[in-house]
Structures are given as structure tokens and as C-alpha cells.
Amino acid sequence: MLIDACAGLLDKDNAEECIKRETEEETGYKVTEVKKFLRHICLLDL
């Protein structure tokens, strides 16, 4: 199984605007509402 997530730099935007922009750029989906569901995200180089 592969789980992938959109990612990008904040570029002086707030986090919510960055999430919306990167999701649309990378997937084509337009996000209208952002909800926080994790406190911390750990990145592992496997």
C-alpha cells in the first residue's frame, strides 16, 4: 500500500491557504474546508 500526501512551502501564506493551493495544483481537487486531524506529522526516509 502507498499513501501519498500533497506538500509545499508556505510562501508567506497561512497554512490553510497553502493546503488549498497545493492540493489543487497537485491533484486537481479544489478544497473548500480544511480540518486539522493530526497534531504532529513525522517524515521518514525509508
Protein backbone atom coordinates (compact mmCIF):
# COMPACT_ATOMS: atom_id res chain seq x y z
CA MET A 1 0.00 0.00 0.00
CA LEU A 2 1.22 3.51 -0.78
CA ILE A 3 -0.04 6.60 0.99
CA ASP A 4 0.96 9.92 -0.54
CA ALA A 5 0.24 13.47 0.58
CA CYS A 6 0.40 16.84 -1.10
CA ALA A 7 3.11 19.11 0.23
CA GLY A 8 4.58 22.52 -0.41
CA LEU A 9 6.16 25.61 1.06
CA LEU A 10 4.11 28.24 2.84
CA ASP A 11 5.42 31.06 0.60
CA LYS A 12 4.26 33.72 3.12
CA ASP A 13 0.69 32.30 3.03
CA ASN A 14 -1.08 30.94 6.06
CA ALA A 15 -1.15 27.16 6.37
CA GLU A 16 -4.79 26.81 5.27
CA GLU A 17 -4.21 28.73 2.03
CA CYS A 18 -1.10 26.65 1.33
CA ILE A 19 -3.05 23.40 1.84
CA LYS A 20 -5.78 24.55 -0.56
CA ARG A 21 -3.30 25.74 -3.21
CA GLU A 22 -1.03 22.67 -3.11
CA THR A 23 -3.94 20.23 -3.18
CA GLU A 24 -5.42 21.88 -6.26
CA GLU A 25 -2.02 22.12 -8.01
CA GLU A 26 -1.03 18.51 -7.34
CA THR A 27 -4.36 16.67 -7.60
CA GLY A 28 -6.79 18.94 -9.42
CA TYR A 29 -9.23 18.82 -6.48
CA LYS A 30 -10.45 22.13 -5.04
CA VAL A 31 -10.56 22.11 -1.22
CA THR A 32 -13.18 24.38 0.35
CA GLU A 33 -12.74 23.46 4.02
CA VAL A 34 -9.62 22.40 5.94
CA LYS A 35 -9.87 20.48 9.22
CA LYS A 36 -6.94 19.61 11.47
CA PHE A 37 -6.85 15.92 12.36
CA LEU A 38 -3.25 15.26 13.39
CA ARG A 39 -1.13 17.04 15.95
CA HIS A 40 2.27 16.06 14.53
CA ILE A 41 3.43 14.65 11.24
CA CYS A 42 6.66 12.63 11.15
CA LEU A 43 8.53 12.24 7.89
CA LEU A 44 10.58 9.10 7.50
CA ASP A 45 13.17 8.46 4.83
CA LEU A 46 12.66 4.75 4.12
